[in-house]
Amino acid sequence: MKNNNVMQTCYIDHQQFMASEGKMFGELADPIRRMIHAQHPKITNRDFVCNRDLLVYDLRHVDNLVKDDNKKIQKLDRRLTKTMANDKFVITDVNDAMKNSLTVGEKIADAVARFGGSWTFIIIFIAILAIWMILNGLELFGIHFDKYPFILLNLFLSCVAAIQAPIILMSQNRSADLDRMNAENDYHVSLKSEQELRILHAKLDLLAREQVPHNLEIAQIQLRMIGELQHEVSALHQEIHDLKGER
């Protein structure tokens, strides 16, 4: 069992301290031991290290933890920035791109398809058919250029259907191109979001796996430092009190 009242010689500064004012080298945490061993290769597990010198290595250890965490966060930030700037994930304004690439024929096809699929076209077309059949069927005003069964009207309807169909197909082809570009945009957005989520998960993993334990370790070191500083202040007060008593 360790006797805290026994005087020990600190391996680093060779001063005398009570056993409670330090630790044996073998009792120290691995990172602190590695730092001390790097500067004092001959130190053994039975050698004593005072708290005053341990504070110096604790501060270095805290600084190393902070620097290591910052490097990992900066690495993840660079990956995120690279992902955001990746040309593979460029999102285009589909409507603007299609508008700037329209030819005169495509504009006419869109207008015809838009008009042909409206109630206005249906009402006008029904009105024309009704007027045509009434005029020719009843021979109003002496008009009978297309007698029943309205062969000329059938020819007219066939011509309208034959012309309108390919025009509508041209407009639908443009709609298909628009859908394809939208699908590509959706794919890029999904891929970009997936990359961002992976990096965010990596940050959360880093936080949970390393930064939180590091923060707890830093808090413990800070508590030890505060305790050691309080001990040093108490020792100084005691020395001042003893000096005043001697006077």
Protein backbone atom coordinates (compact mmCIF):
# COMPACT_ATOMS: atom_id res chain seq x y z
CA MET A 1 0.00 0.00 0.00
CA LYS A 2 1.30 3.44 -0.92
CA ASN A 3 2.32 5.65 2.01
CA ASN A 4 1.43 9.25 1.16
CA ASN A 5 3.69 10.65 3.91
CA VAL A 6 6.88 9.14 2.49
CA MET A 7 9.19 11.64 0.78
CA GLN A 8 9.96 10.93 -2.87
CA THR A 9 12.45 12.44 -5.28
CA CYS A 10 10.96 13.64 -8.55
CA TYR A 11 12.77 12.06 -11.48
CA ILE A 12 12.36 15.17 -13.63
CA ASP A 13 13.38 18.10 -11.40
CA HIS A 14 15.11 16.03 -8.62
CA GLN A 15 13.28 17.81 -5.82
CA GLN A 16 11.79 16.21 -2.72
CA PHE A 17 8.01 15.82 -2.47
CA MET A 18 5.55 13.86 -0.42
CA ALA A 19 4.18 10.75 -2.13
CA SER A 20 0.73 12.37 -2.25
CA GLU A 21 2.16 15.20 -4.36
CA GLY A 22 2.82 13.06 -7.39
CA LYS A 23 2.55 9.65 -8.99
CA MET A 24 4.75 6.77 -9.99
CA PHE A 25 5.60 6.69 -13.67
CA GLY A 26 3.87 3.32 -14.07
CA GLU A 27 0.59 4.79 -12.76
CA LEU A 28 0.36 7.50 -15.40
CA ALA A 29 -1.88 7.42 -18.48
CA ASP A 30 -0.28 6.10 -21.65
CA PRO A 31 -0.18 9.45 -23.55
CA ILE A 32 1.53 11.18 -20.59
CA ARG A 33 3.96 8.28 -20.20
CA ARG A 34 4.88 8.44 -23.89
CA MET A 35 5.60 12.17 -23.70
CA ILE A 36 7.72 11.82 -20.57
CA HIS A 37 9.55 8.77 -21.93
CA ALA A 38 10.37 10.67 -25.13
CA GLN A 39 12.28 13.26 -23.08
CA HIS A 40 13.55 10.89 -20.38
CA PRO A 41 14.21 7.49 -22.01
CA LYS A 42 15.78 5.98 -18.85
CA ILE A 43 12.78 6.54 -16.60
CA THR A 44 11.21 3.37 -15.10
CA ASN A 45 7.79 2.51 -13.73
CA ARG A 46 9.11 2.87 -10.16
CA ASP A 47 10.31 6.42 -10.63
CA PHE A 48 8.35 9.25 -9.04
CA VAL A 49 6.99 12.26 -10.97
CA CYS A 50 5.64 15.26 -9.04
CA ASN A 51 2.32 16.91 -9.82
CA ARG A 52 4.07 20.16 -10.69
CA ASP A 53 5.86 18.52 -13.61
CA LEU A 54 2.83 16.45 -14.51
CA LEU A 55 0.91 19.68 -15.06
CA VAL A 56 3.31 20.59 -17.86
CA TYR A 57 2.73 17.28 -19.63
CA ASP A 58 -1.00 17.46 -18.97
CA LEU A 59 -1.10 20.83 -20.75
CA ARG A 60 0.85 19.38 -23.66
CA HIS A 61 -1.52 16.42 -23.80
CA VAL A 62 -4.55 18.75 -23.84
CA ASP A 63 -2.95 20.79 -26.61
CA ASN A 64 -2.30 17.59 -28.63
CA LEU A 65 -5.91 16.46 -28.20
CA VAL A 66 -7.26 19.81 -29.36
CA LYS A 67 -4.90 19.91 -32.34
CA ASP A 68 -5.75 16.34 -33.33
CA ASP A 69 -9.50 17.03 -33.17
CA ASN A 70 -9.08 20.23 -35.19
CA LYS A 71 -7.10 18.40 -37.87
CA LYS A 72 -9.79 15.74 -38.23
CA ILE A 73 -12.57 18.33 -38.38
CA GLN A 74 -10.65 20.35 -40.98
CA LYS A 75 -10.14 17.17 -43.03
CA LEU A 76 -13.89 16.48 -42.97
CA ASP A 77 -14.62 20.13 -43.85
CA ARG A 78 -12.29 19.87 -46.85
CA ARG A 79 -14.11 16.74 -47.99
CA LEU A 80 -17.45 18.51 -47.61
CA THR A 81 -16.19 21.56 -49.54
CA LYS A 82 -14.81 19.30 -52.28
CA THR A 83 -18.13 17.48 -52.47
CA MET A 84 -20.05 20.75 -52.74
CA ALA A 85 -17.75 21.97 -55.52
CA ASN A 86 -17.72 18.67 -57.45
CA ASP A 87 -18.71 19.17 -61.10
CA LYS A 88 -20.52 15.82 -61.11
CA PHE A 89 -23.15 17.31 -58.85
CA VAL A 90 -23.90 20.45 -60.88
CA ILE A 91 -27.61 21.27 -60.80
CA THR A 92 -28.97 23.06 -63.87
CA ASP A 93 -32.06 25.23 -64.28
CA VAL A 94 -34.05 22.94 -66.58
CA ASN A 95 -36.68 25.47 -67.60
CA ASP A 96 -34.09 28.12 -68.41
CA ALA A 97 -31.97 25.64 -70.39
CA MET A 98 -34.94 24.44 -72.43
CA LYS A 99 -36.20 27.97 -73.06
CA ASN A 100 -32.84 29.10 -74.45
CA SER A 101 -32.58 26.07 -76.75
CA LEU A 102 -36.06 26.32 -78.33
CA THR A 103 -36.27 26.60 -82.11
CA VAL A 104 -39.10 28.33 -84.00
CA GLY A 105 -40.61 24.95 -84.96
CA GLU A 106 -40.55 23.75 -81.36
CA LYS A 107 -42.23 26.94 -80.16
CA ILE A 108 -44.97 26.48 -82.80
CA ALA A 109 -45.36 22.81 -81.80
CA ASP A 110 -45.75 23.77 -78.12
CA ALA A 111 -48.31 26.44 -79.00
CA VAL A 112 -50.32 24.05 -81.19
CA ALA A 113 -50.20 21.27 -78.58
CA ARG A 114 -51.18 23.70 -75.84
CA PHE A 115 -54.11 25.06 -77.89
CA GLY A 116 -55.17 21.60 -79.11
CA GLY A 117 -55.43 20.36 -75.53
CA SER A 118 -57.66 23.20 -74.32
CA TRP A 119 -61.42 23.62 -73.93
CA THR A 120 -61.22 26.59 -76.28
CA PHE A 121 -60.12 24.33 -79.14
CA ILE A 122 -62.83 21.75 -78.32
CA ILE A 123 -65.61 24.37 -78.24
CA ILE A 124 -64.43 26.05 -81.46
CA PHE A 125 -64.04 22.69 -83.22
CA ILE A 126 -67.54 21.54 -82.14
CA ALA A 127 -68.97 24.88 -83.31
CA ILE A 128 -67.32 24.54 -86.73
CA LEU A 129 -68.59 20.96 -87.11
CA ALA A 130 -72.12 21.95 -86.11
CA ILE A 131 -72.21 24.94 -88.47
CA TRP A 132 -70.74 22.85 -91.31
CA MET A 133 -73.29 20.07 -90.93
CA ILE A 134 -76.27 22.43 -90.41
CA LEU A 135 -75.43 24.58 -93.42
CA ASN A 136 -74.85 21.63 -95.73
CA GLY A 137 -77.57 19.37 -94.30
CA LEU A 138 -80.33 21.94 -94.36
CA GLU A 139 -78.91 23.82 -97.35
CA LEU A 140 -79.35 27.12 -95.57
CA PHE A 141 -78.72 30.21 -97.71
CA GLY A 142 -78.33 27.89 -100.66
CA ILE A 143 -75.06 26.46 -99.26
CA HIS A 144 -74.58 22.76 -100.03
CA PHE A 145 -70.90 22.35 -101.01
CA ASP A 146 -70.59 19.17 -98.88
CA LYS A 147 -73.81 17.16 -98.93
CA TYR A 148 -74.54 14.30 -96.54
CA PRO A 149 -72.60 12.09 -95.62
CA PHE A 150 -70.14 15.03 -95.50
CA ILE A 151 -67.24 13.47 -97.38
CA LEU A 152 -65.36 16.78 -97.50
CA LEU A 153 -65.77 17.15 -93.74
CA ASN A 154 -64.31 13.67 -93.19
CA LEU A 155 -61.37 14.62 -95.39
CA PHE A 156 -60.92 17.84 -93.43
CA LEU A 157 -61.01 15.99 -90.10
CA SER A 158 -58.51 13.42 -91.36
CA CYS A 159 -56.14 16.16 -92.50
CA VAL A 160 -56.42 17.94 -89.13
CA ALA A 161 -55.72 14.70 -87.26
CA ALA A 162 -52.82 13.81 -89.57
CA ILE A 163 -51.18 17.20 -89.10
CA GLN A 164 -51.96 17.62 -85.41
CA ALA A 165 -50.64 14.21 -84.35
CA PRO A 166 -46.95 14.71 -85.31
CA ILE A 167 -47.04 18.28 -83.92
CA ILE A 168 -48.27 16.93 -80.58
CA LEU A 169 -45.60 14.21 -80.73
CA MET A 170 -42.90 16.89 -81.19
CA SER A 171 -44.18 18.68 -78.11
CA GLN A 172 -44.27 15.42 -76.17
CA ASN A 173 -40.69 14.68 -77.19
CA ARG A 174 -39.71 18.02 -75.68
CA SER A 175 -41.63 17.11 -72.53
CA ALA A 176 -39.76 13.81 -72.43
CA ASP A 177 -36.45 15.69 -72.72
CA LEU A 178 -37.58 17.98 -69.90
CA ASP A 179 -38.48 14.97 -67.74
CA ARG A 180 -35.12 13.37 -68.49
CA MET A 181 -33.25 16.52 -67.44
CA ASN A 182 -35.35 16.74 -64.28
CA ALA A 183 -34.54 13.10 -63.53
CA GLU A 184 -30.82 13.82 -63.97
CA ASN A 185 -31.13 16.79 -61.64
CA ASP A 186 -32.92 14.64 -59.07
CA TYR A 187 -30.15 12.05 -59.34
CA HIS A 188 -27.47 14.69 -58.81
CA VAL A 189 -29.35 16.15 -55.86
CA SER A 190 -29.77 12.71 -54.29
CA LEU A 191 -26.12 11.82 -54.85
CA LYS A 192 -24.96 15.14 -53.45
CA SER A 193 -27.23 14.77 -50.43
CA GLU A 194 -25.93 11.26 -49.84
CA GLN A 195 -22.32 12.50 -49.87
CA GLU A 196 -23.17 15.33 -47.48
CA LEU A 197 -25.01 12.95 -45.14
CA ARG A 198 -22.04 10.59 -45.11
CA ILE A 199 -19.71 13.42 -44.12
CA LEU A 200 -22.16 14.64 -41.47
CA HIS A 201 -22.36 11.08 -40.11
CA ALA A 202 -18.56 11.00 -40.05
CA LYS A 203 -18.56 14.24 -38.06
CA LEU A 204 -21.10 12.84 -35.61
CA ASP A 205 -19.08 9.64 -35.28
CA LEU A 206 -15.96 11.70 -34.65
CA LEU A 207 -17.82 13.69 -32.02
CA ALA A 208 -19.21 10.62 -30.26
CA ARG A 209 -16.14 8.41 -30.59
CA GLU A 210 -13.31 10.87 -29.94
CA GLN A 211 -14.27 14.44 -29.13
CA VAL A 212 -16.65 13.65 -26.26
CA PRO A 213 -14.10 11.35 -24.54
CA HIS A 214 -11.41 13.93 -25.21
CA ASN A 215 -13.56 16.65 -23.66
CA LEU A 216 -14.13 14.48 -20.59
CA GLU A 217 -10.40 13.77 -20.36
CA ILE A 218 -9.62 17.49 -20.70
CA ALA A 219 -12.17 18.25 -17.96
CA GLN A 220 -10.48 15.70 -15.67
CA ILE A 221 -7.08 17.22 -16.39
CA GLN A 222 -8.46 20.68 -15.66
CA LEU A 223 -9.82 19.45 -12.32
CA ARG A 224 -6.41 17.99 -11.45
CA MET A 225 -4.75 21.24 -12.46
CA ILE A 226 -7.17 23.24 -10.33
CA GLY A 227 -6.49 20.92 -7.39
CA GLU A 228 -2.74 21.22 -7.85
CA LEU A 229 -2.98 25.01 -8.11
CA GLN A 230 -5.05 25.11 -4.94
CA HIS A 231 -2.44 22.96 -3.23
CA GLU A 232 0.32 25.30 -4.41
CA VAL A 233 -1.60 28.34 -3.19
CA SER A 234 -2.20 26.68 0.18
CA ALA A 235 1.49 25.85 0.43
CA LEU A 236 2.39 29.47 -0.37
CA HIS A 237 -0.05 30.73 2.26
CA GLN A 238 1.47 28.34 4.77
CA GLU A 239 4.98 29.55 3.96
CA ILE A 240 3.89 33.18 4.30
CA HIS A 241 2.22 32.34 7.61
CA ASP A 242 5.37 30.58 8.85
CA LEU A 243 7.53 33.55 7.82
CA LYS A 244 5.27 35.94 9.69
CA GLY A 245 5.38 33.66 12.76
CA GLU A 246 9.17 33.63 12.70
CA ARG A 247 9.20 37.41 12.74
